N, C-alpha and C. Protein backbone atom coordinates (compact mmCIF):
# COMPACT_ATOMS: atom_id res chain seq x y z
N MET A 1 0.84 -1.19 0.00
CA MET A 1 0.00 0.00 0.00
C MET A 1 0.88 1.24 0.00
N GLY A 2 0.58 2.23 -0.82
CA GLY A 2 1.42 3.41 -0.99
C GLY A 2 1.46 4.29 0.24
N ALA A 3 2.45 5.17 0.28
CA ALA A 3 2.64 6.04 1.43
C ALA A 3 1.44 6.92 1.68
N ALA A 4 0.81 7.38 0.59
CA ALA A 4 -0.35 8.28 0.74
C ALA A 4 -1.49 7.59 1.47
N ILE A 5 -1.64 6.28 1.23
CA ILE A 5 -2.70 5.54 1.92
C ILE A 5 -2.34 5.36 3.39
N LYS A 6 -1.05 5.13 3.68
CA LYS A 6 -0.64 4.92 5.06
C LYS A 6 -0.91 6.15 5.92
N ASN A 7 -0.93 7.33 5.30
CA ASN A 7 -1.22 8.54 6.05
C ASN A 7 -2.64 8.54 6.60
N LYS A 8 -3.51 7.74 6.01
CA LYS A 8 -4.89 7.63 6.47
C LYS A 8 -5.20 6.14 6.41
N PRO A 9 -4.71 5.35 7.37
CA PRO A 9 -4.57 3.90 7.26
C PRO A 9 -5.74 3.15 6.65
N ASP A 10 -6.90 3.23 7.26
CA ASP A 10 -8.00 2.39 6.78
C ASP A 10 -9.23 3.19 6.38
N THR A 11 -9.21 4.49 6.65
CA THR A 11 -10.43 5.29 6.46
C THR A 11 -10.99 5.16 5.06
N PHE A 12 -10.20 5.51 4.08
CA PHE A 12 -10.66 5.47 2.71
C PHE A 12 -10.81 4.03 2.21
N PHE A 13 -9.80 3.21 2.46
CA PHE A 13 -9.78 1.86 1.91
C PHE A 13 -11.02 1.07 2.31
N GLU A 14 -11.33 1.05 3.60
CA GLU A 14 -12.46 0.25 4.09
C GLU A 14 -13.78 0.82 3.61
N HIS A 15 -13.91 2.14 3.61
CA HIS A 15 -15.16 2.76 3.14
C HIS A 15 -15.39 2.49 1.65
N ILE A 16 -14.32 2.56 0.87
CA ILE A 16 -14.46 2.30 -0.57
C ILE A 16 -14.82 0.84 -0.80
N ALA A 17 -14.12 -0.08 -0.14
CA ALA A 17 -14.38 -1.51 -0.34
C ALA A 17 -15.81 -1.87 0.02
N SER A 18 -16.31 -1.36 1.15
CA SER A 18 -17.68 -1.68 1.55
C SER A 18 -18.69 -1.01 0.63
N GLY A 19 -18.38 0.21 0.18
CA GLY A 19 -19.29 0.90 -0.72
C GLY A 19 -19.40 0.23 -2.07
N VAL A 20 -18.28 -0.23 -2.61
CA VAL A 20 -18.30 -0.95 -3.88
C VAL A 20 -19.13 -2.22 -3.76
N ASP A 21 -19.04 -2.88 -2.62
CA ASP A 21 -19.83 -4.08 -2.37
C ASP A 21 -21.33 -3.76 -2.37
N VAL A 22 -21.70 -2.64 -1.76
CA VAL A 22 -23.10 -2.22 -1.74
C VAL A 22 -23.59 -1.91 -3.15
N LEU A 23 -22.71 -1.36 -3.98
CA LEU A 23 -23.08 -1.08 -5.37
C LEU A 23 -23.27 -2.36 -6.18
N GLY A 24 -22.85 -3.49 -5.62
CA GLY A 24 -22.96 -4.75 -6.33
C GLY A 24 -21.88 -4.92 -7.38
N GLN A 25 -20.76 -4.25 -7.19
CA GLN A 25 -19.66 -4.31 -8.15
C GLN A 25 -18.46 -5.04 -7.56
N GLU A 26 -17.52 -5.36 -8.42
CA GLU A 26 -16.27 -5.96 -7.99
C GLU A 26 -15.12 -5.01 -8.32
N LEU A 27 -14.18 -4.90 -7.40
CA LEU A 27 -13.00 -4.07 -7.60
C LEU A 27 -11.85 -4.76 -6.89
N SER A 28 -10.76 -4.96 -7.61
CA SER A 28 -9.62 -5.66 -7.03
C SER A 28 -9.05 -4.88 -5.85
N GLU A 29 -8.26 -5.57 -5.02
CA GLU A 29 -7.62 -4.89 -3.89
C GLU A 29 -6.72 -3.77 -4.39
N GLU A 30 -6.03 -4.01 -5.50
CA GLU A 30 -5.19 -2.96 -6.07
C GLU A 30 -6.03 -1.78 -6.52
N GLY A 31 -7.21 -2.07 -7.09
CA GLY A 31 -8.10 -1.00 -7.52
C GLY A 31 -8.60 -0.18 -6.34
N VAL A 32 -8.96 -0.84 -5.25
CA VAL A 32 -9.41 -0.14 -4.05
C VAL A 32 -8.27 0.71 -3.50
N GLN A 33 -7.05 0.16 -3.51
CA GLN A 33 -5.89 0.91 -3.02
C GLN A 33 -5.65 2.17 -3.84
N LYS A 34 -5.76 2.04 -5.16
CA LYS A 34 -5.55 3.21 -6.02
C LYS A 34 -6.64 4.25 -5.80
N CYS A 35 -7.87 3.80 -5.63
CA CYS A 35 -8.96 4.74 -5.36
C CYS A 35 -8.74 5.45 -4.03
N ALA A 36 -8.26 4.71 -3.03
CA ALA A 36 -7.96 5.31 -1.73
C ALA A 36 -6.83 6.32 -1.86
N GLN A 37 -5.81 5.98 -2.62
CA GLN A 37 -4.69 6.90 -2.81
C GLN A 37 -5.13 8.14 -3.57
N LEU A 38 -6.04 7.96 -4.53
CA LEU A 38 -6.60 9.10 -5.26
C LEU A 38 -7.23 10.10 -4.30
N LEU A 39 -8.02 9.60 -3.36
CA LEU A 39 -8.68 10.51 -2.40
C LEU A 39 -7.66 11.13 -1.44
N CYS A 40 -6.63 10.37 -1.08
CA CYS A 40 -5.58 10.95 -0.23
C CYS A 40 -4.87 12.09 -0.94
N GLU A 41 -4.58 11.90 -2.20
CA GLU A 41 -3.93 12.96 -2.98
C GLU A 41 -4.85 14.17 -3.13
N LEU A 42 -6.13 13.90 -3.35
CA LEU A 42 -7.10 14.99 -3.46
C LEU A 42 -7.17 15.78 -2.16
N GLU A 43 -7.20 15.07 -1.05
CA GLU A 43 -7.25 15.73 0.26
C GLU A 43 -5.99 16.57 0.50
N ARG A 44 -4.85 16.04 0.09
CA ARG A 44 -3.59 16.74 0.28
C ARG A 44 -3.54 18.01 -0.57
N TRP A 45 -3.95 17.90 -1.82
CA TRP A 45 -3.95 19.08 -2.71
C TRP A 45 -5.01 20.09 -2.29
N ASN A 46 -6.14 19.59 -1.80
CA ASN A 46 -7.22 20.49 -1.37
C ASN A 46 -6.79 21.37 -0.20
N ALA A 47 -5.81 20.91 0.56
CA ALA A 47 -5.34 21.67 1.71
C ALA A 47 -4.65 22.96 1.28
N ARG A 48 -4.15 23.00 0.03
CA ARG A 48 -3.45 24.20 -0.42
C ARG A 48 -4.07 24.87 -1.63
N MET A 49 -5.02 24.21 -2.27
CA MET A 49 -5.75 24.84 -3.37
C MET A 49 -7.15 24.23 -3.45
N ASN A 50 -8.11 25.01 -3.88
CA ASN A 50 -9.49 24.57 -3.88
C ASN A 50 -9.80 23.78 -5.15
N LEU A 51 -9.80 22.45 -5.04
CA LEU A 51 -10.13 21.60 -6.18
C LEU A 51 -11.58 21.15 -6.15
N THR A 52 -12.07 20.79 -4.96
CA THR A 52 -13.47 20.36 -4.81
C THR A 52 -14.01 20.92 -3.50
N ALA A 53 -15.34 21.01 -3.43
CA ALA A 53 -15.98 21.56 -2.23
C ALA A 53 -16.10 20.51 -1.13
N ILE A 54 -16.05 19.23 -1.48
CA ILE A 54 -16.21 18.15 -0.50
C ILE A 54 -14.89 17.95 0.22
N ARG A 55 -14.90 18.03 1.56
CA ARG A 55 -13.69 17.91 2.36
C ARG A 55 -13.74 16.73 3.34
N ASP A 56 -14.92 16.39 3.82
CA ASP A 56 -15.06 15.31 4.80
C ASP A 56 -14.72 13.97 4.15
N SER A 57 -13.99 13.12 4.88
CA SER A 57 -13.50 11.86 4.32
C SER A 57 -14.63 10.95 3.83
N SER A 58 -15.64 10.75 4.67
CA SER A 58 -16.74 9.86 4.28
C SER A 58 -17.54 10.44 3.12
N GLU A 59 -17.68 11.77 3.11
CA GLU A 59 -18.39 12.41 2.01
C GLU A 59 -17.60 12.32 0.70
N MET A 60 -16.27 12.32 0.81
CA MET A 60 -15.44 12.16 -0.38
C MET A 60 -15.63 10.78 -0.99
N VAL A 61 -15.73 9.77 -0.15
CA VAL A 61 -15.94 8.41 -0.66
C VAL A 61 -17.27 8.32 -1.38
N SER A 62 -18.34 8.81 -0.76
CA SER A 62 -19.66 8.74 -1.39
C SER A 62 -19.79 9.71 -2.55
N GLY A 63 -19.43 10.97 -2.31
CA GLY A 63 -19.68 12.03 -3.28
C GLY A 63 -18.76 12.02 -4.47
N HIS A 64 -17.58 11.42 -4.34
CA HIS A 64 -16.64 11.35 -5.46
C HIS A 64 -16.50 9.92 -5.99
N LEU A 65 -16.01 9.02 -5.12
CA LEU A 65 -15.67 7.67 -5.60
C LEU A 65 -16.89 6.85 -5.99
N LEU A 66 -17.81 6.65 -5.04
CA LEU A 66 -18.94 5.76 -5.31
C LEU A 66 -19.89 6.35 -6.33
N ASP A 67 -20.06 7.66 -6.30
CA ASP A 67 -20.91 8.31 -7.30
C ASP A 67 -20.34 8.10 -8.70
N SER A 68 -19.02 8.15 -8.81
CA SER A 68 -18.37 7.92 -10.10
C SER A 68 -18.55 6.48 -10.57
N LEU A 69 -18.33 5.55 -9.67
CA LEU A 69 -18.41 4.12 -10.03
C LEU A 69 -19.84 3.65 -10.28
N SER A 70 -20.82 4.39 -9.79
CA SER A 70 -22.21 3.95 -9.93
C SER A 70 -22.65 3.84 -11.39
N VAL A 71 -22.01 4.59 -12.28
CA VAL A 71 -22.39 4.56 -13.70
C VAL A 71 -21.63 3.50 -14.48
N ARG A 72 -20.78 2.79 -13.81
CA ARG A 72 -19.92 1.79 -14.47
C ARG A 72 -20.70 0.81 -15.35
N PRO A 73 -21.86 0.29 -14.91
CA PRO A 73 -22.59 -0.66 -15.76
C PRO A 73 -23.15 -0.05 -17.05
N LEU A 74 -23.19 1.27 -17.15
CA LEU A 74 -23.79 1.93 -18.31
C LEU A 74 -22.76 2.33 -19.37
N ILE A 75 -21.49 2.09 -19.09
CA ILE A 75 -20.43 2.45 -20.04
C ILE A 75 -20.57 1.63 -21.31
N CYS A 76 -20.36 2.29 -22.44
CA CYS A 76 -20.44 1.64 -23.76
C CYS A 76 -19.06 1.63 -24.40
N GLY A 77 -18.64 0.50 -24.93
CA GLY A 77 -17.40 0.43 -25.70
C GLY A 77 -16.14 0.57 -24.87
N ASN A 78 -15.04 0.90 -25.53
CA ASN A 78 -13.73 0.93 -24.89
C ASN A 78 -13.07 2.30 -24.86
N LEU A 79 -13.76 3.32 -25.40
CA LEU A 79 -13.18 4.65 -25.47
C LEU A 79 -14.13 5.65 -24.81
N LEU A 80 -13.68 6.27 -23.73
CA LEU A 80 -14.54 7.16 -22.93
C LEU A 80 -13.87 8.51 -22.77
N ILE A 81 -14.68 9.56 -22.82
CA ILE A 81 -14.19 10.89 -22.49
C ILE A 81 -15.05 11.49 -21.40
N ASP A 82 -14.40 12.04 -20.39
CA ASP A 82 -15.05 12.69 -19.26
C ASP A 82 -14.89 14.19 -19.46
N ILE A 83 -15.97 14.87 -19.82
CA ILE A 83 -15.89 16.30 -20.12
C ILE A 83 -16.19 17.12 -18.85
N GLY A 84 -15.40 18.19 -18.67
CA GLY A 84 -15.54 18.97 -17.44
C GLY A 84 -15.19 18.12 -16.23
N THR A 85 -14.10 17.36 -16.33
CA THR A 85 -13.76 16.36 -15.32
C THR A 85 -13.43 16.95 -13.96
N GLY A 86 -13.03 18.23 -13.91
CA GLY A 86 -12.67 18.84 -12.63
C GLY A 86 -11.44 18.15 -12.05
N ALA A 87 -11.57 17.59 -10.87
CA ALA A 87 -10.46 16.89 -10.21
C ALA A 87 -10.36 15.42 -10.63
N GLY A 88 -11.07 15.07 -11.71
CA GLY A 88 -10.93 13.71 -12.24
C GLY A 88 -12.09 12.77 -11.99
N PHE A 89 -13.26 13.33 -11.72
CA PHE A 89 -14.42 12.49 -11.44
C PHE A 89 -15.53 12.75 -12.45
N PRO A 90 -16.07 11.69 -13.04
CA PRO A 90 -15.91 10.27 -12.70
C PRO A 90 -14.77 9.55 -13.42
N GLY A 91 -14.00 10.24 -14.27
CA GLY A 91 -13.08 9.55 -15.16
C GLY A 91 -12.00 8.73 -14.48
N LEU A 92 -11.34 9.26 -13.43
CA LEU A 92 -10.25 8.53 -12.80
C LEU A 92 -10.72 7.24 -12.11
N PRO A 93 -11.78 7.28 -11.29
CA PRO A 93 -12.25 6.01 -10.71
C PRO A 93 -12.66 4.98 -11.76
N LEU A 94 -13.27 5.45 -12.86
CA LEU A 94 -13.67 4.53 -13.92
C LEU A 94 -12.45 3.93 -14.60
N ALA A 95 -11.41 4.72 -14.81
CA ALA A 95 -10.18 4.21 -15.42
C ALA A 95 -9.51 3.18 -14.52
N ILE A 96 -9.55 3.42 -13.21
CA ILE A 96 -8.97 2.47 -12.26
C ILE A 96 -9.76 1.17 -12.25
N ALA A 97 -11.08 1.28 -12.24
CA ALA A 97 -11.94 0.10 -12.15
C ALA A 97 -11.98 -0.71 -13.43
N GLU A 98 -11.76 -0.03 -14.58
CA GLU A 98 -11.84 -0.70 -15.88
C GLU A 98 -10.53 -0.50 -16.64
N PRO A 99 -9.51 -1.29 -16.36
CA PRO A 99 -8.21 -1.09 -17.00
C PRO A 99 -8.22 -1.32 -18.51
N GLY A 100 -9.26 -1.98 -19.04
CA GLY A 100 -9.36 -2.17 -20.48
C GLY A 100 -10.00 -0.99 -21.19
N LEU A 101 -10.41 0.01 -20.42
CA LEU A 101 -11.06 1.20 -20.95
C LEU A 101 -10.02 2.30 -21.13
N THR A 102 -10.04 2.98 -22.27
CA THR A 102 -9.18 4.14 -22.48
C THR A 102 -9.99 5.39 -22.13
N VAL A 103 -9.47 6.19 -21.21
CA VAL A 103 -10.22 7.32 -20.67
C VAL A 103 -9.46 8.62 -20.92
N GLU A 104 -10.13 9.58 -21.56
CA GLU A 104 -9.61 10.93 -21.68
C GLU A 104 -10.36 11.82 -20.69
N LEU A 105 -9.62 12.64 -19.97
CA LEU A 105 -10.21 13.53 -18.97
C LEU A 105 -10.00 14.97 -19.44
N LEU A 106 -11.10 15.66 -19.70
CA LEU A 106 -11.06 16.96 -20.36
C LEU A 106 -11.54 18.05 -19.42
N ASP A 107 -10.75 19.13 -19.31
CA ASP A 107 -11.18 20.29 -18.52
C ASP A 107 -10.36 21.49 -18.98
N SER A 108 -10.95 22.67 -18.89
CA SER A 108 -10.25 23.89 -19.31
C SER A 108 -9.46 24.53 -18.18
N ASN A 109 -9.64 24.02 -16.95
CA ASN A 109 -8.98 24.59 -15.78
C ASN A 109 -7.59 23.99 -15.62
N ALA A 110 -6.56 24.82 -15.76
CA ALA A 110 -5.18 24.33 -15.73
C ALA A 110 -4.83 23.70 -14.39
N ARG A 111 -5.30 24.29 -13.30
CA ARG A 111 -4.98 23.77 -11.97
C ARG A 111 -5.56 22.37 -11.77
N LYS A 112 -6.80 22.18 -12.21
CA LYS A 112 -7.44 20.87 -12.04
C LYS A 112 -6.83 19.82 -12.96
N ILE A 113 -6.54 20.21 -14.19
CA ILE A 113 -5.88 19.28 -15.10
C ILE A 113 -4.48 18.93 -14.59
N GLY A 114 -3.82 19.88 -13.95
CA GLY A 114 -2.52 19.61 -13.35
C GLY A 114 -2.61 18.54 -12.28
N PHE A 115 -3.68 18.61 -11.47
CA PHE A 115 -3.89 17.58 -10.44
C PHE A 115 -4.15 16.23 -11.09
N VAL A 116 -5.01 16.21 -12.11
CA VAL A 116 -5.32 14.95 -12.79
C VAL A 116 -4.06 14.33 -13.38
N GLN A 117 -3.23 15.13 -14.02
CA GLN A 117 -1.97 14.63 -14.59
C GLN A 117 -1.06 14.08 -13.50
N HIS A 118 -1.01 14.76 -12.37
CA HIS A 118 -0.21 14.30 -11.24
C HIS A 118 -0.67 12.93 -10.76
N VAL A 119 -1.98 12.78 -10.58
CA VAL A 119 -2.52 11.51 -10.08
C VAL A 119 -2.29 10.38 -11.07
N ILE A 120 -2.47 10.65 -12.34
CA ILE A 120 -2.24 9.63 -13.37
C ILE A 120 -0.81 9.09 -13.26
N GLY A 121 0.15 10.00 -13.10
CA GLY A 121 1.54 9.58 -12.96
C GLY A 121 1.83 8.92 -11.63
N GLU A 122 1.30 9.49 -10.55
CA GLU A 122 1.56 8.99 -9.20
C GLU A 122 1.01 7.58 -9.01
N LEU A 123 -0.18 7.33 -9.56
CA LEU A 123 -0.84 6.03 -9.38
C LEU A 123 -0.55 5.06 -10.52
N GLY A 124 0.11 5.54 -11.57
CA GLY A 124 0.40 4.67 -12.70
C GLY A 124 -0.85 4.22 -13.44
N ILE A 125 -1.76 5.16 -13.69
CA ILE A 125 -3.00 4.84 -14.40
C ILE A 125 -2.72 4.96 -15.89
N SER A 126 -2.24 3.89 -16.49
CA SER A 126 -1.72 3.95 -17.86
C SER A 126 -2.80 4.09 -18.93
N ASN A 127 -4.06 3.88 -18.56
CA ASN A 127 -5.16 3.96 -19.53
C ASN A 127 -5.91 5.29 -19.46
N ALA A 128 -5.35 6.28 -18.77
CA ALA A 128 -6.00 7.58 -18.63
C ALA A 128 -5.09 8.69 -19.14
N TYR A 129 -5.72 9.71 -19.76
CA TYR A 129 -4.99 10.83 -20.35
C TYR A 129 -5.72 12.12 -20.03
N ALA A 130 -4.97 13.13 -19.60
CA ALA A 130 -5.56 14.43 -19.27
C ALA A 130 -5.35 15.41 -20.40
N VAL A 131 -6.39 16.15 -20.74
CA VAL A 131 -6.33 17.13 -21.83
C VAL A 131 -6.93 18.44 -21.34
N ARG A 132 -6.22 19.54 -21.54
CA ARG A 132 -6.77 20.85 -21.19
C ARG A 132 -7.43 21.45 -22.41
N SER A 133 -8.74 21.54 -22.37
CA SER A 133 -9.51 22.11 -23.49
C SER A 133 -10.96 22.27 -23.06
N ARG A 134 -11.68 23.07 -23.80
CA ARG A 134 -13.12 23.18 -23.63
C ARG A 134 -13.78 22.15 -24.54
N ALA A 135 -14.83 21.52 -24.07
CA ALA A 135 -15.47 20.45 -24.84
C ALA A 135 -15.97 20.95 -26.19
N GLU A 136 -16.53 22.16 -26.22
CA GLU A 136 -17.15 22.65 -27.45
C GLU A 136 -16.15 22.93 -28.56
N THR A 137 -14.87 23.12 -28.19
CA THR A 137 -13.85 23.38 -29.20
C THR A 137 -12.86 22.23 -29.36
N TYR A 138 -13.08 21.16 -28.63
CA TYR A 138 -12.15 20.03 -28.69
C TYR A 138 -12.40 19.22 -29.95
N ALA A 139 -11.35 19.03 -30.74
CA ALA A 139 -11.46 18.29 -32.01
C ALA A 139 -10.34 17.25 -32.08
N PRO A 140 -10.52 16.12 -31.42
CA PRO A 140 -9.45 15.12 -31.32
C PRO A 140 -9.27 14.24 -32.55
N GLY A 141 -10.15 14.39 -33.55
CA GLY A 141 -10.04 13.57 -34.75
C GLY A 141 -10.59 12.17 -34.57
N LYS A 142 -11.34 11.96 -33.53
CA LYS A 142 -11.98 10.67 -33.28
C LYS A 142 -13.24 10.90 -32.47
N ARG A 143 -14.07 9.87 -32.39
CA ARG A 143 -15.29 9.96 -31.58
C ARG A 143 -15.25 8.88 -30.50
N PHE A 144 -16.01 9.10 -29.46
CA PHE A 144 -15.92 8.26 -28.27
C PHE A 144 -17.18 7.39 -28.10
N ASP A 145 -16.97 6.18 -27.59
CA ASP A 145 -18.08 5.28 -27.34
C ASP A 145 -18.96 5.78 -26.19
N THR A 146 -18.31 6.39 -25.21
CA THR A 146 -19.03 6.97 -24.07
C THR A 146 -18.52 8.39 -23.81
N VAL A 147 -19.45 9.32 -23.76
CA VAL A 147 -19.16 10.71 -23.37
C VAL A 147 -19.89 10.94 -22.05
N ILE A 148 -19.15 11.28 -21.00
CA ILE A 148 -19.77 11.38 -19.69
C ILE A 148 -19.47 12.72 -19.04
N ALA A 149 -20.42 13.21 -18.26
CA ALA A 149 -20.22 14.44 -17.49
C ALA A 149 -21.03 14.35 -16.21
N ARG A 150 -20.48 14.90 -15.15
CA ARG A 150 -21.15 14.87 -13.85
C ARG A 150 -21.44 16.30 -13.42
N ALA A 151 -22.75 16.61 -13.36
CA ALA A 151 -23.19 17.94 -12.91
C ALA A 151 -22.49 19.06 -13.67
N LEU A 152 -22.34 18.89 -14.97
CA LEU A 152 -21.64 19.88 -15.78
C LEU A 152 -22.57 20.98 -16.28
N ALA A 153 -23.69 20.57 -16.85
CA ALA A 153 -24.64 21.51 -17.45
C ALA A 153 -25.98 20.80 -17.60
N SER A 154 -26.98 21.52 -18.10
CA SER A 154 -28.25 20.86 -18.40
C SER A 154 -28.03 19.83 -19.49
N VAL A 155 -28.92 18.86 -19.58
CA VAL A 155 -28.77 17.82 -20.60
C VAL A 155 -28.75 18.40 -22.01
N PRO A 156 -29.67 19.32 -22.37
CA PRO A 156 -29.60 19.90 -23.71
C PRO A 156 -28.28 20.63 -23.96
N ARG A 157 -27.77 21.31 -22.94
CA ARG A 157 -26.50 22.03 -23.10
C ARG A 157 -25.34 21.05 -23.26
N GLN A 158 -25.39 19.94 -22.52
CA GLN A 158 -24.35 18.93 -22.65
C GLN A 158 -24.31 18.36 -24.06
N ILE A 159 -25.50 18.13 -24.64
CA ILE A 159 -25.57 17.66 -26.02
C ILE A 159 -24.98 18.69 -26.96
N GLU A 160 -25.28 19.96 -26.70
CA GLU A 160 -24.81 21.04 -27.56
C GLU A 160 -23.29 21.15 -27.57
N ILE A 161 -22.67 21.03 -26.40
CA ILE A 161 -21.23 21.25 -26.33
C ILE A 161 -20.40 20.01 -26.60
N ALA A 162 -21.02 18.82 -26.48
CA ALA A 162 -20.22 17.60 -26.61
C ALA A 162 -20.81 16.55 -27.55
N GLY A 163 -21.92 16.86 -28.19
CA GLY A 163 -22.53 15.88 -29.09
C GLY A 163 -21.61 15.47 -30.23
N HIS A 164 -20.74 16.40 -30.65
CA HIS A 164 -19.84 16.10 -31.77
C HIS A 164 -18.77 15.08 -31.40
N LEU A 165 -18.60 14.80 -30.11
CA LEU A 165 -17.59 13.85 -29.66
C LEU A 165 -18.12 12.42 -29.57
N LEU A 166 -19.42 12.24 -29.73
CA LEU A 166 -20.04 10.94 -29.52
C LEU A 166 -20.10 10.11 -30.80
N ALA A 167 -19.64 8.87 -30.72
CA ALA A 167 -19.73 7.94 -31.84
C ALA A 167 -21.18 7.65 -32.17
N LYS A 168 -21.44 7.24 -33.40
CA LYS A 168 -22.81 7.04 -33.87
C LYS A 168 -23.60 6.07 -32.99
N LYS A 169 -22.96 5.01 -32.54
CA LYS A 169 -23.64 4.01 -31.72
C LYS A 169 -23.24 4.12 -30.25
N GLY A 170 -22.68 5.27 -29.89
CA GLY A 170 -22.24 5.45 -28.51
C GLY A 170 -23.34 5.97 -27.60
N VAL A 171 -22.95 6.25 -26.36
CA VAL A 171 -23.90 6.77 -25.36
C VAL A 171 -23.28 7.96 -24.64
N MET A 172 -24.10 8.98 -24.43
CA MET A 172 -23.70 10.12 -23.62
C MET A 172 -24.40 9.99 -22.27
N LEU A 173 -23.64 10.06 -21.20
CA LEU A 173 -24.19 9.91 -19.86
C LEU A 173 -24.11 11.24 -19.12
N ALA A 174 -25.25 11.67 -18.60
CA ALA A 174 -25.31 12.91 -17.82
C ALA A 174 -25.72 12.54 -16.39
N GLN A 175 -24.79 12.67 -15.45
CA GLN A 175 -25.08 12.34 -14.06
C GLN A 175 -25.79 13.51 -13.38
N LYS A 176 -26.88 13.19 -12.72
CA LYS A 176 -27.72 14.20 -12.08
C LYS A 176 -28.08 13.79 -10.66
N GLY A 177 -28.61 14.75 -9.90
CA GLY A 177 -29.14 14.46 -8.59
C GLY A 177 -30.60 14.05 -8.73
N ARG A 178 -31.49 15.02 -8.56
CA ARG A 178 -32.92 14.74 -8.72
C ARG A 178 -33.29 14.48 -10.17
N TYR A 179 -34.43 13.84 -10.36
CA TYR A 179 -34.91 13.54 -11.70
C TYR A 179 -35.05 14.86 -12.48
N PRO A 180 -34.35 15.00 -13.61
CA PRO A 180 -34.28 16.29 -14.31
C PRO A 180 -35.42 16.50 -15.31
N ALA A 181 -36.64 16.52 -14.81
CA ALA A 181 -37.82 16.57 -15.68
C ALA A 181 -37.80 17.74 -16.65
N ASP A 182 -37.48 18.94 -16.17
CA ASP A 182 -37.49 20.12 -17.03
C ASP A 182 -36.46 20.01 -18.15
N GLU A 183 -35.28 19.46 -17.82
CA GLU A 183 -34.23 19.33 -18.84
C GLU A 183 -34.64 18.35 -19.93
N LEU A 184 -35.33 17.30 -19.55
CA LEU A 184 -35.69 16.27 -20.52
C LEU A 184 -36.66 16.80 -21.57
N GLU A 185 -37.48 17.77 -21.18
CA GLU A 185 -38.45 18.34 -22.11
C GLU A 185 -37.77 19.08 -23.26
N ASP A 186 -36.53 19.51 -23.03
CA ASP A 186 -35.84 20.32 -24.04
C ASP A 186 -34.79 19.55 -24.84
N ILE A 187 -34.76 18.21 -24.67
CA ILE A 187 -33.82 17.42 -25.46
C ILE A 187 -34.28 17.41 -26.92
N PRO A 188 -33.41 17.73 -27.86
CA PRO A 188 -33.79 17.76 -29.29
C PRO A 188 -34.33 16.41 -29.77
N ASP A 189 -35.23 16.46 -30.73
CA ASP A 189 -35.87 15.25 -31.24
C ASP A 189 -34.89 14.28 -31.89
N ALA A 190 -33.74 14.77 -32.28
CA ALA A 190 -32.75 13.91 -32.93
C ALA A 190 -32.05 12.97 -31.96
N TRP A 191 -32.39 13.08 -30.69
CA TRP A 191 -31.75 12.26 -29.66
C TRP A 191 -32.78 11.45 -28.89
N ASP A 192 -32.43 10.21 -28.58
CA ASP A 192 -33.23 9.37 -27.69
C ASP A 192 -32.60 9.40 -26.29
N TYR A 193 -33.41 9.17 -25.28
CA TYR A 193 -32.84 9.16 -23.93
C TYR A 193 -33.56 8.15 -23.04
N GLU A 194 -32.87 7.77 -22.00
CA GLU A 194 -33.42 6.89 -20.97
C GLU A 194 -32.84 7.32 -19.63
N VAL A 195 -33.67 7.38 -18.61
CA VAL A 195 -33.22 7.82 -17.29
C VAL A 195 -33.18 6.63 -16.34
N THR A 196 -32.07 6.46 -15.65
CA THR A 196 -31.90 5.39 -14.68
C THR A 196 -31.68 6.00 -13.30
N GLU A 197 -32.43 5.52 -12.32
CA GLU A 197 -32.20 5.95 -10.94
C GLU A 197 -31.12 5.09 -10.32
N LEU A 198 -30.17 5.73 -9.68
CA LEU A 198 -29.05 5.02 -9.06
C LEU A 198 -29.15 5.11 -7.54
N VAL A 199 -28.71 4.06 -6.89
CA VAL A 199 -28.63 4.05 -5.43
C VAL A 199 -27.17 4.06 -5.05
N VAL A 200 -26.72 5.18 -4.48
CA VAL A 200 -25.32 5.36 -4.12
C VAL A 200 -25.22 5.50 -2.61
N PRO A 201 -24.48 4.63 -1.94
CA PRO A 201 -24.37 4.71 -0.48
C PRO A 201 -23.92 6.09 -0.03
N GLY A 202 -24.65 6.66 0.91
CA GLY A 202 -24.28 7.95 1.47
C GLY A 202 -24.83 9.15 0.73
N LEU A 203 -25.51 8.93 -0.41
CA LEU A 203 -26.07 10.04 -1.17
C LEU A 203 -27.58 9.93 -1.28
N ASP A 204 -28.21 11.08 -1.50
CA ASP A 204 -29.66 11.09 -1.74
C ASP A 204 -29.91 10.73 -3.20
N ALA A 205 -31.00 11.21 -3.74
CA ALA A 205 -31.40 10.83 -5.10
C ALA A 205 -30.29 11.05 -6.11
N ARG A 206 -30.04 10.04 -6.92
CA ARG A 206 -29.08 10.14 -8.01
C ARG A 206 -29.70 9.53 -9.26
N HIS A 207 -29.52 10.20 -10.37
CA HIS A 207 -30.04 9.72 -11.65
C HIS A 207 -28.97 9.91 -12.72
N VAL A 208 -29.06 9.12 -13.76
CA VAL A 208 -28.19 9.31 -14.91
C VAL A 208 -29.06 9.24 -16.17
N VAL A 209 -28.86 10.21 -17.05
CA VAL A 209 -29.58 10.25 -18.31
C VAL A 209 -28.65 9.69 -19.38
N ALA A 210 -29.09 8.62 -20.03
CA ALA A 210 -28.33 8.01 -21.14
C ALA A 210 -28.92 8.51 -22.44
N ILE A 211 -28.11 9.21 -23.24
CA ILE A 211 -28.58 9.86 -24.48
C ILE A 211 -27.88 9.21 -25.66
N ARG A 212 -28.67 8.93 -26.69
CA ARG A 212 -28.11 8.30 -27.89
C ARG A 212 -28.65 8.98 -29.15
N HIS A 213 -27.88 8.89 -30.22
CA HIS A 213 -28.37 9.32 -31.52
C HIS A 213 -29.61 8.52 -31.86
N GLY A 214 -30.63 9.18 -32.38
CA GLY A 214 -31.84 8.43 -32.74
C GLY A 214 -32.93 9.36 -33.24
N GLY A 215 -34.16 8.87 -33.16
CA GLY A 215 -35.31 9.66 -33.58
C GLY A 215 -35.93 10.38 -32.41
N SER A 216 -37.12 10.90 -32.61
CA SER A 216 -37.80 11.63 -31.54
C SER A 216 -38.22 10.68 -30.44
N GLN A 217 -38.29 11.20 -29.22
CA GLN A 217 -38.70 10.41 -28.06
C GLN A 217 -40.20 10.36 -28.01
N GLY A 218 -40.76 9.18 -28.23
CA GLY A 218 -42.19 9.09 -28.30
C GLY A 218 -42.87 8.91 -26.98
């Protein structure tokens, strides 16, 4: 177990392991260790710069780690981009949990992308890449099987700024708190959607909107 984890011996590790079990998922011991080290690094960096508003250890596990992993069953394909990733959520936990997945983490904030790059190197997350850019102007020359964002913008706005990044048969995932009824009314007819309610230990209502290229929602 890395030095960063030893600084907080069992707090993160045990909470993550039990939370993943409640989610009904499997995560290797190495994966749990890396997730714990990710939160330790976040806590350390947060002490000198404001990366996220969540500071309490248990809230970090629920609000960052488990919330990120809750969408794991909805991932499509092998190429994922996390737009507006901030401090790396949900992209970093998903990259740790799914080593066969290639994850790009996109954000325009240099300080936050700097943290993401640091963690990728520190934890040896070889399937994750950090990119500093705005989603609406990002032109990587490829499209992604899964485009994901957590509390970034309204669903219609997310489609507007990142729809060009989605592969024809891919899925765009918008993580939300309460059921976003008003946002769903404004989704363009060219897109189909499905809303799934998620149960995340330690959090209240959580939903994810899965959006795909298609016809009007009947």
